[in-house]
Amino acid sequence: MNFGLILLETEVGHELPIPAVGFGLIAFGLLVLLLLATLSMGKGRPHS
């Protein structure tokens, strides 16, 4: 466990290719798309 943490701490230069705000907006957009897909699949099916 400690070895993995040391490896994570020593690696430098791993940054996101886009700003954090852009990454968050893309993630939020994907979540909204998944929500809309879920809602569209659930319509028209009456509950028992």
N, C-alpha and C. Protein backbone atom coordinates (compact mmCIF):
# COMPACT_ATOMS: atom_id res chain seq x y z
N MET A 1 0.83 -1.19 0.00
CA MET A 1 0.00 0.00 0.00
C MET A 1 0.87 1.25 0.00
N ASN A 2 1.88 1.26 0.88
CA ASN A 2 2.75 2.43 0.95
C ASN A 2 3.54 2.60 -0.33
N PHE A 3 3.93 1.47 -0.95
CA PHE A 3 4.69 1.55 -2.20
C PHE A 3 3.88 2.23 -3.29
N GLY A 4 2.58 1.90 -3.38
CA GLY A 4 1.72 2.52 -4.37
C GLY A 4 1.56 4.01 -4.12
N LEU A 5 1.46 4.40 -2.86
CA LEU A 5 1.35 5.82 -2.53
C LEU A 5 2.63 6.57 -2.88
N ILE A 6 3.77 5.92 -2.64
CA ILE A 6 5.04 6.57 -2.98
C ILE A 6 5.13 6.76 -4.49
N LEU A 7 4.69 5.76 -5.26
CA LEU A 7 4.72 5.89 -6.71
C LEU A 7 3.82 7.03 -7.18
N LEU A 8 2.64 7.14 -6.55
CA LEU A 8 1.73 8.22 -6.93
C LEU A 8 2.31 9.58 -6.61
N GLU A 9 3.01 9.67 -5.50
CA GLU A 9 3.55 10.96 -5.08
C GLU A 9 4.77 11.36 -5.92
N THR A 10 5.53 10.38 -6.41
CA THR A 10 6.76 10.72 -7.12
C THR A 10 6.50 11.04 -8.60
N GLU A 11 5.42 10.55 -9.16
CA GLU A 11 5.16 10.83 -10.58
C GLU A 11 4.73 12.29 -10.74
N VAL A 12 5.36 12.96 -11.66
CA VAL A 12 5.08 14.37 -11.90
C VAL A 12 4.76 14.53 -13.38
N GLY A 13 3.87 15.47 -13.68
CA GLY A 13 3.57 15.75 -15.07
C GLY A 13 2.28 15.14 -15.56
N HIS A 14 1.53 14.53 -14.69
CA HIS A 14 0.23 13.97 -15.09
C HIS A 14 -0.85 15.00 -14.80
N GLU A 15 -1.12 15.80 -15.79
CA GLU A 15 -2.16 16.81 -15.63
C GLU A 15 -3.26 16.55 -16.64
N LEU A 16 -4.43 17.09 -16.39
CA LEU A 16 -5.54 16.92 -17.32
C LEU A 16 -5.24 17.68 -18.61
N PRO A 17 -5.62 17.09 -19.74
CA PRO A 17 -5.38 17.80 -21.01
C PRO A 17 -6.28 19.02 -21.19
N ILE A 18 -7.32 19.11 -20.38
CA ILE A 18 -8.23 20.26 -20.41
C ILE A 18 -8.33 20.81 -18.99
N PRO A 19 -8.79 22.06 -18.83
CA PRO A 19 -8.94 22.61 -17.47
C PRO A 19 -9.97 21.82 -16.65
N ALA A 20 -9.88 21.93 -15.36
CA ALA A 20 -10.77 21.19 -14.47
C ALA A 20 -12.23 21.58 -14.70
N VAL A 21 -12.47 22.85 -15.03
CA VAL A 21 -13.85 23.29 -15.28
C VAL A 21 -14.41 22.58 -16.50
N GLY A 22 -13.62 22.46 -17.55
CA GLY A 22 -14.07 21.74 -18.74
C GLY A 22 -14.32 20.28 -18.46
N PHE A 23 -13.47 19.68 -17.67
CA PHE A 23 -13.66 18.28 -17.30
C PHE A 23 -14.97 18.10 -16.52
N GLY A 24 -15.24 19.03 -15.62
CA GLY A 24 -16.47 18.97 -14.83
C GLY A 24 -17.70 19.16 -15.70
N LEU A 25 -17.63 20.08 -16.67
CA LEU A 25 -18.77 20.30 -17.57
C LEU A 25 -19.05 19.08 -18.44
N ILE A 26 -17.99 18.43 -18.91
CA ILE A 26 -18.17 17.22 -19.71
C ILE A 26 -18.80 16.13 -18.86
N ALA A 27 -18.34 15.97 -17.63
CA ALA A 27 -18.90 14.96 -16.74
C ALA A 27 -20.37 15.26 -16.44
N PHE A 28 -20.68 16.52 -16.21
CA PHE A 28 -22.06 16.90 -15.94
C PHE A 28 -22.94 16.64 -17.15
N GLY A 29 -22.44 16.95 -18.34
CA GLY A 29 -23.19 16.68 -19.57
C GLY A 29 -23.46 15.20 -19.76
N LEU A 30 -22.47 14.37 -19.47
CA LEU A 30 -22.67 12.92 -19.59
C LEU A 30 -23.72 12.43 -18.59
N LEU A 31 -23.69 12.98 -17.38
CA LEU A 31 -24.69 12.58 -16.39
C LEU A 31 -26.09 12.98 -16.83
N VAL A 32 -26.23 14.17 -17.40
CA VAL A 32 -27.54 14.61 -17.88
C VAL A 32 -28.02 13.72 -19.02
N LEU A 33 -27.11 13.35 -19.93
CA LEU A 33 -27.49 12.45 -21.03
C LEU A 33 -27.95 11.09 -20.50
N LEU A 34 -27.25 10.58 -19.51
CA LEU A 34 -27.66 9.30 -18.92
C LEU A 34 -29.00 9.42 -18.22
N LEU A 35 -29.24 10.55 -17.56
CA LEU A 35 -30.52 10.77 -16.90
C LEU A 35 -31.64 10.81 -17.91
N LEU A 36 -31.44 11.54 -19.01
CA LEU A 36 -32.46 11.63 -20.04
C LEU A 36 -32.72 10.27 -20.69
N ALA A 37 -31.66 9.50 -20.91
CA ALA A 37 -31.83 8.16 -21.48
C ALA A 37 -32.63 7.27 -20.54
N THR A 38 -32.34 7.37 -19.25
CA THR A 38 -33.07 6.57 -18.26
C THR A 38 -34.54 6.96 -18.22
N LEU A 39 -34.81 8.26 -18.23
CA LEU A 39 -36.20 8.72 -18.18
C LEU A 39 -36.96 8.34 -19.45
N SER A 40 -36.30 8.40 -20.60
CA SER A 40 -36.99 8.07 -21.85
C SER A 40 -37.29 6.57 -21.94
N MET A 41 -36.43 5.74 -21.39
CA MET A 41 -36.69 4.29 -21.42
C MET A 41 -37.78 3.90 -20.45
N GLY A 42 -37.97 4.68 -19.41
CA GLY A 42 -38.96 4.32 -18.39
C GLY A 42 -40.37 4.77 -18.73
N LYS A 43 -40.52 5.61 -19.75
CA LYS A 43 -41.85 6.10 -20.09
C LYS A 43 -42.63 5.05 -20.85
N GLY A 44 -43.93 5.01 -20.64
CA GLY A 44 -44.79 4.08 -21.38
C GLY A 44 -44.85 2.70 -20.74
N ARG A 45 -44.21 2.52 -19.62
CA ARG A 45 -44.29 1.23 -18.94
C ARG A 45 -45.06 1.42 -17.64
N PRO A 46 -46.29 1.02 -17.61
CA PRO A 46 -47.07 1.19 -16.38
C PRO A 46 -46.55 0.29 -15.25
N HIS A 47 -46.66 0.78 -14.08
CA HIS A 47 -46.25 -0.01 -12.92
C HIS A 47 -47.35 -0.99 -12.58
N SER A 48 -46.95 -2.14 -12.06
CA SER A 48 -47.94 -3.17 -11.75
C SER A 48 -48.72 -2.85 -10.47
